[in-house]
Amino acid sequence: MKVNIGSKISCFVISAAAMLLTDAAFCSGTSVSGQNMRKEKDDVENAMRISRKKSDILKENQSLRTELDSLRAELERLKEEMAADTISYEVMDIIDENEDKSAAGLNPEDYNAEVSDSLLTIWYMQQKISESAREEYNMDSVKFKSDVPDSVYIERIKAMNSFIDLPYNDVVKNYIILYSEKMDARMGQILGLCSYYMPIIEEIFDEHEIPLELKAMAVVESAMNPTAVSRAGAKGMWQFMYSTAKIYGLDIDSFVDERLDPVASAHAAAEYLKDSYNIFGDWNLAIASYNCGAGNVNRAIRRSGGKRAFWDIYPYLPRETRGYVPAFVGALYTMTYYREHGIEPQGVEMPVHVDTFRVNKMLHFKQISELVGVPLADLKNLNPQYKHEIIPGNEKEYILRIPYNYTNAFIDNEDTLYTHKADEYFNPVVIKKIKDGGDGERIIHRVRSGEVLGRIAIRYRVTVSQIKRWNNLRSDNIRIGQRLVIYRGGNAPASSTASVSDSHNSSKPNPPEKSTVPMNADYTVYTVKPGDSLYLIAKDYPGVSAQNIMDFNGIGSKIKPGMKIRIPKL
C-alpha cells in the first residue's frame, strides 16, 4: 500500500495554522462563537492525530526501506547462484573480467607461429624451434595468397563430408592458408601431438554423442598443449577459465588442476559444447559461443533481426569471435589434407599404451619412479594435473596413468610403494605449505558499476586489505573500469604487489614481481638435463619458484642441457 506522505504533511500544516489563528483570537479578545470554538478544537485534535500518524508513517517508511535493501541483497545473491547454472552468464562474467581476451583464453589471431611455438616448448622441450622462423600475423588486415585454386579448396571441403557445415569464403580461405602454409612447420609438431591425443578426444566425444570434427578446436585453443596457460588465466588443452571449469566438474585445489588433464578436460569441453548446441541448435554457433559466451551470441542474434546462421550474425559478433569459426575450419582442413601441403607430423615421445590405476592414498611421483622405474618425465607427461607431483589420495580417489610396460612392476611394488620415503616426500611442513598456498590463481577483475572492495573480496575469498596491498591502493575508493589484481583464495606470492593500470583501455603488461631471495643465500648447484625447464626444476625444490632461480642466477627463462645453475635454499 502506498502512503502519500506529502498530502498528510500539508493537512498538518493547514491545521496547525488554524490552531495558531485560534490562539491569536483568544489573545486579542476577539469574540468567537461556541460553534467555531468547537470546530477549532476539533481541528487541533486532528492536527495532533496527523502529527502522530506522520511519525508512524516515517517509521514505516524506514522499515520498508530496510526491507527493500534486504530484498535487493537477496536478489544479488540469487543472481550469483543462478550464474552457476547458465553458460551465458558465466562466460559473460569471464568476458567482463578479461574484456580484451576471449572467453577461452587466446584469440584466434593470437595463434600465430610465435604463440604456437611457445605453447609447444612449454611441455615438449625437445622440440627445438628456430627463433628466426617466428612470424606474426594480424588476421584482420592480412590477406594471404596461395597457388591452390579456390575450386580445389571447395572440393576438398566437400569431400570431408563433415557433419558440421563448413563454409568457404575469403575469411575461411585466409585461415586455411595460415594453418596449411604459413604455419606448416608448427603444424608438423601439432600433428605429432594429434597422433597421440586425438584418439583419446575422439573416443570421449563419441561417448558424449557430439561431432568428432569438434576435436579441431583443441588445435585452435592450445596447439594441443595440455599445460598451455593463456594471458587471461585459461588453462589446459581446452583453455578453461577457473569458474567455468568448476561448473563443469573439474577439480582445482592446492594439489590438483584437472584443466590440465587431457581426459577430464575433454569430457568437460564435450559437455560445454553439448549445452551450447542445445541452446542454439547449430554447431557453428556452439563453436562461436565457446569463444565469446552464449550471451554474446544471443546478443548478435538479436542485433541481426533474429537470424540464426553464423555468417548472418557475423558482423554483430565480437571481433575475436568472428575469426574463431574460420580458424576452426582452417585447422580441420589442415588436419585432413596436411599431406597435400607437404606437412609431415613429427614424432612425439609418448607411450603407445597406457595403464590406469586408482589411487586412494598419498603418492609421490618420485616414489613411483624409484620403486617402479617409470621416468619422472613420463609421469609428468601422462599426469599433468598434479601440480606438485603428489597424488592426494587421502582426500579422495584419483587416477594415475603409467606406461603399460611398467604395469607389472607397479603391482609388484604396490604394498611398499606408499610407505617408501613417505616421511621425506610428505614432510608436514611441505604439505602444509602446499595446502596454505591454495590455488593462488592470479586473475584480473574489472570493477563494475556499484561494486565496492568488500563485495569483491567476498567473491574471491580474500580480504579488503589484501586487495589494497596487491594493487597499491591507499584508500577503499575504486572506479568503474579499474582493473584489480586478485589472487583467488588470498594466496599470493610473498612479494606480490600489483601494477595494473587504472585505465580499462590499458593493455600494458604488469612488471615482473621482484624476488625476495637474498643474493647471499645458500644454494645447490644443479646441472640442466635434456627436457628440463625452470618451472619443472623449481617444482623439485619446495618454496623455490622459476622467478627465484632466474633472479638468483641473473639469467632469463632459456636454459640449455649441461648448463649449471644455482638453486637457492629457502
Protein backbone atom coordinates (compact mmCIF):
# COMPACT_ATOMS: atom_id res chain seq x y z
CA MET A 1 0.00 0.00 0.00
CA LYS A 2 1.40 3.41 -0.97
CA VAL A 3 1.25 6.22 1.63
CA ASN A 4 1.12 9.80 0.41
CA ILE A 5 3.29 11.48 3.00
CA GLY A 6 3.18 14.82 1.17
CA SER A 7 -0.62 15.16 1.46
CA LYS A 8 -0.55 14.26 5.16
CA ILE A 9 2.07 16.89 5.88
CA SER A 10 0.02 19.51 4.01
CA CYS A 11 -3.03 18.75 6.19
CA PHE A 12 -0.89 19.07 9.29
CA VAL A 13 0.40 22.50 8.22
CA ILE A 14 -3.13 23.79 7.49
CA SER A 15 -4.48 22.52 10.83
CA ALA A 16 -1.54 23.94 12.75
CA ALA A 17 -2.15 27.29 11.09
CA ALA A 18 -5.82 27.14 12.18
CA MET A 19 -4.72 26.43 15.74
CA LEU A 20 -2.40 29.45 15.72
CA LEU A 21 -5.22 31.65 14.43
CA THR A 22 -7.43 30.43 17.26
CA ASP A 23 -4.77 31.27 19.85
CA ALA A 24 -4.37 34.72 18.33
CA ALA A 25 -8.11 35.29 18.53
CA PHE A 26 -8.18 34.46 22.26
CA CYS A 27 -5.23 36.73 22.96
CA SER A 28 -6.81 39.70 21.16
CA GLY A 29 -10.15 39.28 22.88
CA THR A 30 -11.96 38.65 19.62
CA SER A 31 -15.41 37.13 20.11
CA VAL A 32 -15.69 33.65 18.76
CA SER A 33 -18.92 31.69 18.72
CA GLY A 34 -19.15 28.38 20.59
CA GLN A 35 -19.65 26.56 17.34
CA ASN A 36 -16.44 27.99 15.89
CA MET A 37 -14.63 27.18 19.12
CA ARG A 38 -15.61 23.51 18.88
CA LYS A 39 -14.57 23.46 15.24
CA GLU A 40 -11.17 24.88 16.03
CA LYS A 41 -10.77 22.44 18.90
CA ASP A 42 -11.57 19.53 16.57
CA ASP A 43 -9.04 20.87 14.09
CA VAL A 44 -6.37 20.99 16.75
CA GLU A 45 -7.08 17.42 17.82
CA ASN A 46 -6.99 16.31 14.18
CA ALA A 47 -3.67 18.06 13.72
CA MET A 48 -2.25 16.20 16.72
CA ARG A 49 -3.50 12.87 15.38
CA ILE A 50 -1.97 13.67 12.00
CA SER A 51 1.31 14.52 13.71
CA ARG A 52 1.31 11.12 15.38
CA LYS A 53 0.44 9.46 12.08
CA LYS A 54 3.34 11.27 10.40
CA SER A 55 5.75 9.82 12.96
CA ASP A 56 4.30 6.35 12.40
CA ILE A 57 4.50 6.78 8.64
CA LEU A 58 8.17 7.81 8.82
CA LYS A 59 8.94 4.74 10.92
CA GLU A 60 7.05 2.52 8.50
CA ASN A 61 8.84 4.12 5.57
CA GLN A 62 12.23 3.45 7.17
CA SER A 63 11.21 -0.15 7.84
CA LEU A 64 10.16 -0.58 4.21
CA ARG A 65 13.46 0.84 3.01
CA THR A 66 15.37 -1.58 5.21
CA GLU A 67 13.32 -4.48 3.91
CA LEU A 68 13.84 -3.31 0.33
CA ASP A 69 17.61 -3.22 0.86
CA SER A 70 17.45 -6.77 2.22
CA LEU A 71 15.45 -7.91 -0.80
CA ARG A 72 17.99 -6.30 -3.12
CA ALA A 73 20.82 -8.10 -1.35
CA GLU A 74 18.91 -11.38 -1.62
CA LEU A 75 18.32 -10.73 -5.32
CA GLU A 76 22.05 -10.24 -5.85
CA ARG A 77 22.74 -13.49 -4.04
CA LEU A 78 20.20 -15.36 -6.17
CA LYS A 79 21.71 -13.88 -9.33
CA GLU A 80 25.11 -15.18 -8.30
CA GLU A 81 23.63 -18.63 -7.66
CA MET A 82 21.85 -18.59 -11.00
CA ALA A 83 25.14 -17.74 -12.66
CA ALA A 84 26.41 -21.20 -11.79
CA ASP A 85 23.58 -22.74 -13.81
CA THR A 86 23.89 -20.83 -17.07
CA ILE A 87 26.61 -20.89 -19.67
CA SER A 88 25.89 -17.40 -20.91
CA TYR A 89 26.08 -15.63 -17.55
CA GLU A 90 29.25 -17.48 -16.56
CA VAL A 91 31.16 -16.83 -19.75
CA MET A 92 29.94 -13.24 -19.96
CA ASP A 93 31.27 -12.79 -16.43
CA ILE A 94 34.64 -14.01 -17.64
CA ILE A 95 34.49 -11.67 -20.62
CA ASP A 96 33.79 -8.77 -18.27
CA GLU A 97 36.85 -9.64 -16.20
CA ASN A 98 39.06 -10.04 -19.27
CA GLU A 99 37.42 -7.78 -21.84
CA ASP A 100 40.40 -7.78 -24.17
CA LYS A 101 40.65 -11.58 -24.19
CA SER A 102 38.39 -14.31 -25.49
CA ALA A 103 36.37 -16.48 -23.12
CA ALA A 104 38.57 -19.46 -23.71
CA GLY A 105 41.80 -17.53 -23.41
CA LEU A 106 43.72 -16.52 -26.52
CA ASN A 107 42.05 -15.06 -29.56
CA PRO A 108 42.19 -16.96 -32.87
CA GLU A 109 44.51 -14.40 -34.42
CA ASP A 110 46.85 -14.83 -31.44
CA TYR A 111 47.59 -18.40 -32.55
CA ASN A 112 50.36 -17.33 -34.82
CA ALA A 113 53.67 -19.06 -35.31
CA GLU A 114 55.24 -17.46 -32.24
CA VAL A 115 52.48 -18.40 -29.82
CA SER A 116 52.22 -21.92 -31.17
CA ASP A 117 55.98 -22.23 -30.68
CA SER A 118 55.87 -21.10 -27.08
CA LEU A 119 52.95 -23.35 -26.21
CA LEU A 120 54.67 -26.40 -27.61
CA THR A 121 58.02 -25.74 -25.98
CA ILE A 122 56.45 -25.39 -22.54
CA TRP A 123 55.57 -29.07 -22.46
CA TYR A 124 57.82 -30.67 -25.06
CA MET A 125 61.20 -29.08 -24.55
CA GLN A 126 62.82 -31.48 -27.00
CA GLN A 127 61.09 -29.65 -29.85
CA LYS A 128 63.67 -27.00 -30.84
CA ILE A 129 62.24 -24.21 -32.93
CA SER A 130 64.25 -21.59 -34.76
CA GLU A 131 63.86 -18.04 -33.46
CA SER A 132 64.25 -16.63 -36.95
CA ALA A 133 61.25 -18.58 -38.25
CA ARG A 134 58.79 -16.86 -35.94
CA GLU A 135 56.33 -14.54 -37.58
CA GLU A 136 53.24 -12.65 -36.51
CA TYR A 137 50.09 -12.10 -38.48
CA ASN A 138 47.21 -9.70 -37.98
CA MET A 139 44.34 -11.74 -39.37
CA ASP A 140 42.09 -8.68 -39.55
CA SER A 141 44.26 -6.97 -42.14
CA VAL A 142 46.45 -9.60 -43.81
CA LYS A 143 45.29 -11.33 -46.99
CA PHE A 144 47.27 -14.43 -47.88
CA LYS A 145 47.76 -15.75 -51.39
CA SER A 146 48.13 -19.38 -52.41
CA ASP A 147 48.83 -21.33 -55.55
CA VAL A 148 45.92 -23.62 -54.65
CA PRO A 149 42.79 -22.58 -56.62
CA ASP A 150 39.55 -21.87 -54.76
CA SER A 151 37.91 -24.74 -56.63
CA VAL A 152 40.36 -27.21 -55.08
CA TYR A 153 39.68 -25.91 -51.56
CA ILE A 154 35.94 -26.13 -52.16
CA GLU A 155 36.11 -29.68 -53.49
CA ARG A 156 38.32 -30.82 -50.62
CA ILE A 157 35.98 -29.33 -48.02
CA LYS A 158 33.00 -31.06 -49.67
CA ALA A 159 34.89 -34.35 -49.74
CA MET A 160 35.39 -34.15 -45.97
CA ASN A 161 31.66 -34.91 -45.65
CA SER A 162 31.56 -33.12 -42.31
CA PHE A 163 28.56 -33.40 -40.01
CA ILE A 164 29.16 -29.71 -39.24
CA ASP A 165 28.52 -27.23 -42.02
CA LEU A 166 31.92 -25.97 -43.19
CA PRO A 167 31.63 -22.68 -45.08
CA TYR A 168 34.12 -21.37 -47.62
CA ASN A 169 34.80 -17.71 -48.35
CA ASP A 170 37.74 -15.29 -48.30
CA VAL A 171 37.89 -15.24 -44.50
CA VAL A 172 37.94 -19.03 -44.25
CA LYS A 173 40.49 -19.23 -47.07
CA ASN A 174 42.79 -16.91 -45.14
CA TYR A 175 42.80 -19.26 -42.15
CA ILE A 176 43.24 -22.35 -44.33
CA ILE A 177 46.39 -20.78 -45.79
CA LEU A 178 47.55 -19.73 -42.31
CA TYR A 179 47.43 -23.28 -40.94
CA SER A 180 48.44 -25.19 -44.07
CA GLU A 181 51.17 -22.92 -45.47
CA LYS A 182 52.23 -20.16 -43.10
CA MET A 183 52.37 -22.42 -40.06
CA ASP A 184 53.48 -25.59 -41.82
CA ALA A 185 56.45 -26.24 -39.51
CA ARG A 186 54.39 -25.70 -36.38
CA MET A 187 51.57 -27.80 -37.78
CA GLY A 188 54.02 -30.68 -38.17
CA GLN A 189 54.64 -30.56 -34.43
CA ILE A 190 50.96 -30.06 -33.61
CA LEU A 191 50.02 -33.03 -35.80
CA GLY A 192 52.60 -35.09 -33.93
CA LEU A 193 50.71 -34.31 -30.72
CA CYS A 194 47.42 -35.02 -32.51
CA SER A 195 48.57 -38.54 -33.29
CA TYR A 196 48.64 -39.23 -29.56
CA TYR A 197 45.78 -37.11 -28.18
CA MET A 198 43.17 -37.16 -30.95
CA PRO A 199 42.18 -40.84 -30.50
CA ILE A 200 41.53 -40.05 -26.81
CA ILE A 201 39.43 -36.99 -27.69
CA GLU A 202 37.51 -38.81 -30.42
CA GLU A 203 36.55 -41.61 -28.01
CA ILE A 204 35.33 -39.07 -25.44
CA PHE A 205 33.35 -37.03 -27.99
CA ASP A 206 31.80 -40.22 -29.34
CA GLU A 207 30.74 -41.12 -25.79
CA HIS A 208 29.04 -37.72 -25.45
CA GLU A 209 27.48 -38.07 -28.92
CA ILE A 210 28.83 -34.86 -30.37
CA PRO A 211 30.51 -34.45 -33.81
CA LEU A 212 34.08 -35.72 -33.85
CA GLU A 213 35.09 -32.78 -36.06
CA LEU A 214 34.94 -30.58 -32.95
CA LYS A 215 38.30 -32.08 -31.96
CA ALA A 216 39.95 -29.45 -34.19
CA MET A 217 39.00 -26.82 -31.60
CA ALA A 218 41.84 -28.12 -29.42
CA VAL A 219 44.30 -27.06 -32.13
CA VAL A 220 42.85 -23.54 -32.17
CA GLU A 221 42.63 -23.38 -28.37
CA SER A 222 46.06 -24.60 -27.28
CA ALA A 223 48.04 -26.07 -30.19
CA MET A 224 47.33 -29.42 -28.47
CA ASN A 225 49.38 -28.50 -25.39
CA PRO A 226 47.86 -29.95 -22.17
CA THR A 227 49.70 -27.42 -20.00
CA ALA A 228 49.03 -24.29 -22.04
CA VAL A 229 48.27 -21.18 -19.98
CA SER A 230 46.81 -18.11 -21.64
CA ARG A 231 47.35 -14.49 -20.65
CA ALA A 232 43.79 -14.41 -19.32
CA GLY A 233 44.38 -17.35 -16.98
CA ALA A 234 42.71 -20.05 -19.06
CA LYS A 235 44.50 -23.39 -18.74
CA GLY A 236 44.87 -26.74 -20.40
CA MET A 237 44.29 -28.13 -23.85
CA TRP A 238 40.72 -26.79 -23.82
CA GLN A 239 41.61 -23.47 -22.17
CA PHE A 240 39.05 -23.45 -19.39
CA MET A 241 38.76 -20.43 -17.12
CA TYR A 242 38.62 -21.18 -13.39
CA SER A 243 34.89 -20.58 -12.86
CA THR A 244 33.75 -22.43 -15.97
CA ALA A 245 35.97 -25.40 -15.06
CA LYS A 246 34.34 -25.58 -11.63
CA ILE A 247 30.86 -25.53 -13.17
CA TYR A 248 31.75 -28.48 -15.39
CA GLY A 249 33.09 -30.58 -12.53
CA LEU A 250 36.84 -30.14 -12.90
CA ASP A 251 38.77 -30.28 -9.61
CA ILE A 252 41.04 -27.34 -8.85
CA ASP A 253 42.76 -27.16 -5.48
CA SER A 254 46.19 -26.99 -3.85
CA PHE A 255 47.33 -30.29 -5.37
CA VAL A 256 45.22 -30.83 -8.50
CA ASP A 257 44.14 -28.83 -11.55
CA GLU A 258 42.08 -31.05 -13.82
CA ARG A 259 42.03 -28.41 -16.53
CA LEU A 260 45.49 -29.83 -17.33
CA ASP A 261 44.18 -33.41 -17.51
CA PRO A 262 43.62 -34.16 -21.23
CA VAL A 263 40.93 -36.73 -20.41
CA ALA A 264 38.94 -34.86 -17.74
CA SER A 265 39.10 -31.55 -19.63
CA ALA A 266 37.92 -33.21 -22.87
CA HIS A 267 34.86 -34.54 -21.03
CA ALA A 268 34.15 -31.04 -19.71
CA ALA A 269 34.60 -29.50 -23.17
CA ALA A 270 32.17 -32.05 -24.64
CA GLU A 271 29.55 -31.19 -22.02
CA TYR A 272 30.03 -27.48 -22.62
CA LEU A 273 29.65 -27.83 -26.38
CA LYS A 274 26.60 -30.05 -25.98
CA ASP A 275 24.97 -27.45 -23.71
CA SER A 276 25.75 -24.72 -26.22
CA TYR A 277 24.26 -26.74 -29.06
CA ASN A 278 21.09 -27.31 -27.02
CA ILE A 279 20.80 -23.53 -26.69
CA PHE A 280 21.36 -22.59 -30.34
CA GLY A 281 20.64 -25.74 -32.36
CA ASP A 282 23.62 -25.03 -34.61
CA TRP A 283 27.17 -26.32 -34.21
CA ASN A 284 28.83 -23.24 -35.72
CA LEU A 285 27.05 -21.07 -33.17
CA ALA A 286 28.01 -23.52 -30.43
CA ILE A 287 31.65 -23.21 -31.53
CA ALA A 288 31.37 -19.41 -31.52
CA SER A 289 29.84 -19.43 -28.04
CA TYR A 290 32.80 -21.44 -26.76
CA ASN A 291 34.91 -18.41 -27.60
CA CYS A 292 32.73 -15.47 -26.52
CA GLY A 293 29.91 -16.97 -24.47
CA ALA A 294 26.27 -17.68 -25.16
CA GLY A 295 25.31 -14.18 -24.06
CA ASN A 296 27.32 -12.53 -26.84
CA VAL A 297 25.95 -14.95 -29.44
CA ASN A 298 22.38 -14.25 -28.28
CA ARG A 299 23.06 -10.53 -28.49
CA ALA A 300 24.37 -10.91 -32.05
CA ILE A 301 21.24 -12.88 -33.00
CA ARG A 302 19.01 -10.08 -31.69
CA ARG A 303 21.01 -7.40 -33.50
CA SER A 304 20.76 -9.33 -36.76
CA GLY A 305 16.97 -9.34 -36.51
CA GLY A 306 16.66 -12.89 -35.23
CA LYS A 307 18.82 -14.65 -37.82
CA ARG A 308 20.49 -17.83 -36.55
CA ALA A 309 23.21 -18.67 -39.08
CA PHE A 310 26.83 -17.87 -38.23
CA TRP A 311 27.53 -15.75 -41.31
CA ASP A 312 24.27 -13.82 -40.82
CA ILE A 313 25.27 -12.77 -37.32
CA TYR A 314 28.99 -12.50 -38.20
CA PRO A 315 29.08 -8.65 -38.30
CA TYR A 316 27.49 -8.44 -34.83
CA LEU A 317 29.86 -10.80 -33.04
CA PRO A 318 32.91 -9.65 -31.03
CA ARG A 319 35.94 -9.14 -33.24
CA GLU A 320 37.88 -12.13 -31.91
CA THR A 321 34.90 -14.47 -32.31
CA ARG A 322 34.44 -13.53 -35.97
CA GLY A 323 37.73 -15.30 -36.66
CA TYR A 324 37.11 -18.29 -34.40
CA VAL A 325 34.88 -20.40 -36.66
CA PRO A 326 37.07 -19.69 -39.73
CA ALA A 327 40.10 -20.73 -37.64
CA PHE A 328 38.29 -23.95 -36.74
CA VAL A 329 37.65 -24.68 -40.42
CA GLY A 330 41.27 -23.90 -41.29
CA ALA A 331 42.59 -26.21 -38.58
CA LEU A 332 40.22 -29.04 -39.51
CA TYR A 333 41.09 -28.70 -43.20
CA THR A 334 44.83 -28.87 -42.45
CA MET A 335 44.41 -31.88 -40.17
CA THR A 336 42.73 -33.64 -43.10
CA TYR A 337 44.89 -32.50 -46.04
CA TYR A 338 48.31 -31.92 -44.48
CA ARG A 339 49.92 -34.42 -46.87
CA GLU A 340 48.73 -32.43 -49.87
CA HIS A 341 50.60 -29.46 -48.44
CA GLY A 342 53.78 -31.39 -47.76
CA ILE A 343 53.46 -31.34 -43.97
CA GLU A 344 54.98 -34.24 -42.04
CA PRO A 345 53.78 -34.97 -38.48
CA GLN A 346 56.73 -35.02 -36.10
CA GLY A 347 57.24 -37.87 -33.70
CA VAL A 348 56.28 -37.39 -30.07
CA GLU A 349 57.90 -39.44 -27.34
CA MET A 350 54.74 -40.62 -25.62
CA PRO A 351 53.99 -44.24 -24.67
CA VAL A 352 51.79 -46.07 -27.13
CA HIS A 353 49.91 -48.00 -24.45
CA VAL A 354 48.95 -46.65 -21.05
CA ASP A 355 47.56 -48.39 -17.97
CA THR A 356 45.37 -46.70 -15.39
CA PHE A 357 45.40 -47.18 -11.61
CA ARG A 358 43.09 -45.80 -8.95
CA VAL A 359 44.99 -44.22 -6.06
CA ASN A 360 43.38 -43.72 -2.66
CA LYS A 361 46.47 -42.82 -0.61
CA MET A 362 49.07 -40.06 -0.77
CA LEU A 363 51.53 -40.97 -3.51
CA HIS A 364 54.53 -39.04 -4.85
CA PHE A 365 55.83 -39.36 -8.40
CA LYS A 366 59.31 -39.99 -7.02
CA GLN A 367 58.06 -42.98 -5.02
CA ILE A 368 56.77 -44.45 -8.28
CA SER A 369 59.91 -43.58 -10.21
CA GLU A 370 62.30 -45.01 -7.62
CA LEU A 371 60.48 -48.29 -6.96
CA VAL A 372 58.73 -48.96 -10.26
CA GLY A 373 61.25 -47.34 -12.60
CA VAL A 374 58.87 -45.04 -14.52
CA PRO A 375 60.84 -41.95 -15.64
CA LEU A 376 59.64 -38.77 -13.94
CA ALA A 377 59.19 -37.14 -17.35
CA ASP A 378 56.70 -39.86 -18.35
CA LEU A 379 54.76 -39.46 -15.12
CA LYS A 380 54.54 -35.70 -15.66
CA ASN A 381 53.55 -36.09 -19.31
CA LEU A 382 50.79 -38.58 -18.54
CA ASN A 383 49.55 -36.91 -15.34
CA PRO A 384 49.96 -33.13 -15.81
CA GLN A 385 47.03 -32.37 -13.49
CA TYR A 386 49.08 -33.00 -10.34
CA LYS A 387 50.72 -29.65 -9.66
CA HIS A 388 53.31 -30.79 -7.12
CA GLU A 389 53.93 -34.35 -8.35
CA ILE A 390 51.75 -35.54 -5.47
CA ILE A 391 48.53 -37.53 -5.87
CA PRO A 392 46.41 -36.53 -2.83
CA GLY A 393 44.73 -39.92 -2.48
CA ASN A 394 43.86 -39.28 1.18
CA GLU A 395 41.36 -36.63 0.05
CA LYS A 396 39.56 -38.80 -2.48
CA GLU A 397 40.28 -41.40 -5.16
CA TYR A 398 42.41 -40.17 -8.09
CA ILE A 399 43.64 -41.63 -11.36
CA LEU A 400 47.28 -42.42 -12.14
CA ARG A 401 48.41 -43.19 -15.69
CA ILE A 402 51.69 -45.02 -16.36
CA PRO A 403 53.21 -46.65 -19.46
CA TYR A 404 51.84 -50.15 -19.93
CA ASN A 405 55.25 -51.80 -19.77
CA TYR A 406 55.58 -50.74 -16.10
CA THR A 407 52.24 -52.24 -15.02
CA ASN A 408 53.61 -55.45 -13.54
CA ALA A 409 56.35 -53.62 -11.65
CA PHE A 410 53.76 -51.26 -10.18
CA ILE A 411 51.59 -54.14 -8.99
CA ASP A 412 54.60 -56.00 -7.55
CA ASN A 413 55.67 -52.95 -5.51
CA GLU A 414 52.24 -51.66 -4.54
CA ASP A 415 52.47 -52.93 -0.93
CA THR A 416 55.61 -50.89 -0.19
CA LEU A 417 55.05 -48.08 -2.67
CA TYR A 418 53.07 -45.78 -0.37
CA THR A 419 55.47 -46.05 2.58
CA HIS A 420 58.70 -45.65 0.60
CA LYS A 421 60.38 -42.45 1.92
CA ALA A 422 56.95 -41.21 2.98
CA ASP A 423 58.45 -39.09 5.79
CA GLU A 424 60.68 -37.33 3.29
CA TYR A 425 58.19 -36.78 0.48
CA PHE A 426 55.24 -35.94 2.70
CA ASN A 427 57.05 -33.75 5.17
CA PRO A 428 54.33 -31.98 7.22
CA VAL A 429 55.97 -28.60 6.61
CA VAL A 430 55.94 -29.10 2.84
CA ILE A 431 52.36 -30.39 2.81
CA LYS A 432 51.16 -27.51 4.97
CA LYS A 433 52.88 -25.04 2.69
CA ILE A 434 51.14 -26.53 -0.33
CA LYS A 435 47.75 -26.51 1.39
CA ASP A 436 48.20 -22.98 2.67
CA GLY A 437 49.01 -21.94 -0.86
CA GLY A 438 45.53 -22.87 -2.09
CA ASP A 439 45.01 -22.48 -5.78
CA GLY A 440 46.51 -18.97 -5.61
CA GLU A 441 45.33 -18.26 -9.14
CA ARG A 442 46.15 -14.77 -10.37
CA ILE A 443 43.24 -13.11 -12.11
CA ILE A 444 42.31 -9.61 -13.23
CA HIS A 445 38.97 -8.21 -12.04
CA ARG A 446 37.44 -5.22 -13.81
CA VAL A 447 35.39 -3.06 -11.45
CA ARG A 448 31.72 -2.75 -12.40
CA SER A 449 29.09 -0.21 -11.51
CA GLY A 450 28.02 -0.47 -7.87
CA GLU A 451 30.93 -2.66 -6.78
CA VAL A 452 32.92 -1.97 -3.63
CA LEU A 453 36.07 -3.62 -2.32
CA GLY A 454 34.14 -5.54 0.33
CA ARG A 455 31.89 -7.22 -2.20
CA ILE A 456 34.82 -8.06 -4.49
CA ALA A 457 36.75 -9.50 -1.53
CA ILE A 458 33.86 -11.80 -0.58
CA ARG A 459 33.51 -13.02 -4.15
CA TYR A 460 37.13 -14.17 -4.36
CA ARG A 461 37.53 -15.30 -0.73
CA VAL A 462 40.10 -12.62 0.09
CA THR A 463 40.23 -9.60 2.39
CA VAL A 464 39.96 -5.92 1.53
CA SER A 465 43.43 -5.29 2.94
CA GLN A 466 44.87 -7.97 0.62
CA ILE A 467 43.30 -6.37 -2.45
CA LYS A 468 44.64 -2.98 -1.38
CA ARG A 469 48.12 -4.40 -0.82
CA TRP A 470 48.21 -6.26 -4.15
CA ASN A 471 47.10 -3.15 -6.03
CA ASN A 472 48.92 -0.42 -4.08
CA LEU A 473 45.62 1.20 -3.07
CA ARG A 474 45.81 3.85 -0.35
CA SER A 475 42.06 4.00 0.23
CA ASP A 476 38.93 1.94 -0.37
CA ASN A 477 37.94 4.08 -3.34
CA ILE A 478 37.79 2.29 -6.70
CA ARG A 479 36.47 3.37 -10.09
CA ILE A 480 34.29 1.71 -12.70
CA GLY A 481 36.55 0.04 -15.27
CA GLN A 482 39.54 -0.08 -12.93
CA ARG A 483 41.46 -3.36 -13.06
CA LEU A 484 42.43 -5.14 -9.89
CA VAL A 485 44.89 -7.99 -9.48
CA ILE A 486 43.36 -10.72 -7.31
CA TYR A 487 44.98 -13.90 -6.05
CA ARG A 488 42.00 -16.22 -5.65
CA GLY A 489 41.79 -17.52 -2.09
CA GLY A 490 44.28 -14.88 -0.92
CA ASN A 491 47.34 -17.00 -1.59
CA ALA A 492 49.62 -14.65 -3.48
CA PRO A 493 53.37 -14.88 -3.92
CA ALA A 494 55.11 -13.47 -0.88
CA SER A 495 56.34 -10.36 -2.65
CA SER A 496 53.40 -9.74 -4.94
CA THR A 497 52.43 -6.13 -5.47
CA ALA A 498 50.28 -5.37 -8.46
CA SER A 499 50.85 -2.75 -11.07
CA VAL A 500 47.63 -2.76 -13.02
CA SER A 501 46.71 0.33 -14.96
CA ASP A 502 43.68 2.17 -13.65
CA SER A 503 42.51 2.75 -17.20
CA HIS A 504 40.39 -0.07 -18.57
CA ASN A 505 41.79 0.68 -22.02
CA SER A 506 45.38 -0.02 -20.98
CA SER A 507 46.97 -3.18 -22.27
CA LYS A 508 50.42 -2.69 -20.77
CA PRO A 509 51.77 -5.87 -19.17
CA ASN A 510 52.42 -5.95 -15.46
CA PRO A 511 56.10 -5.67 -14.47
CA PRO A 512 57.66 -8.89 -13.20
CA GLU A 513 57.40 -9.46 -9.48
CA LYS A 514 60.61 -8.98 -7.56
CA SER A 515 62.40 -11.86 -5.93
CA THR A 516 62.68 -11.94 -2.17
CA VAL A 517 65.66 -14.32 -2.14
CA PRO A 518 68.79 -12.67 -0.68
CA MET A 519 71.72 -12.86 -3.07
CA ASN A 520 73.99 -14.28 -0.33
CA ALA A 521 71.65 -17.20 0.40
CA ASP A 522 72.95 -20.77 0.45
CA TYR A 523 72.40 -22.68 -2.76
CA THR A 524 72.64 -26.02 -4.50
CA VAL A 525 74.29 -26.39 -7.90
CA TYR A 526 72.06 -28.10 -10.45
CA THR A 527 73.11 -29.33 -13.90
CA VAL A 528 70.41 -28.85 -16.51
CA LYS A 529 69.27 -32.06 -18.22
CA PRO A 530 67.57 -32.50 -21.62
CA GLY A 531 63.85 -31.73 -21.31
CA ASP A 532 64.32 -29.51 -18.23
CA SER A 533 62.64 -26.15 -17.81
CA LEU A 534 63.00 -23.71 -14.93
CA TYR A 535 59.41 -24.42 -13.95
CA LEU A 536 59.97 -28.18 -13.72
CA ILE A 537 63.27 -27.71 -11.88
CA ALA A 538 61.68 -25.35 -9.34
CA LYS A 539 58.98 -27.92 -8.56
CA ASP A 540 61.68 -30.22 -7.16
CA TYR A 541 62.73 -27.57 -4.64
CA PRO A 542 59.84 -26.64 -2.28
CA GLY A 543 59.43 -22.92 -1.85
CA VAL A 544 61.57 -22.02 -4.87
CA SER A 545 59.96 -20.51 -7.97
CA ALA A 546 61.26 -20.23 -11.52
CA GLN A 547 61.48 -16.47 -11.00
CA ASN A 548 63.64 -17.05 -7.88
CA ILE A 549 66.08 -19.12 -9.94
CA MET A 550 66.25 -16.53 -12.73
CA ASP A 551 66.84 -13.66 -10.31
CA PHE A 552 69.38 -15.61 -8.24
CA ASN A 553 71.40 -16.53 -11.32
CA GLY A 554 70.84 -13.34 -13.27
CA ILE A 555 69.50 -15.28 -16.28
CA GLY A 556 66.40 -15.39 -18.44
CA SER A 557 64.00 -18.30 -18.86
CA LYS A 558 66.07 -20.06 -21.54
CA ILE A 559 68.36 -22.82 -20.32
CA LYS A 560 70.39 -25.48 -22.13
CA PRO A 561 71.41 -29.04 -21.21
CA GLY A 562 74.73 -29.08 -19.35
CA MET A 563 74.25 -25.58 -18.02
CA LYS A 564 74.95 -25.24 -14.28
CA ILE A 565 72.57 -23.10 -12.27
CA ARG A 566 72.34 -22.25 -8.58
CA ILE A 567 69.17 -23.20 -6.70
CA PRO A 568 68.70 -21.01 -3.59
CA LYS A 569 67.93 -22.77 -0.32
CA LEU A 570 64.81 -21.25 1.23
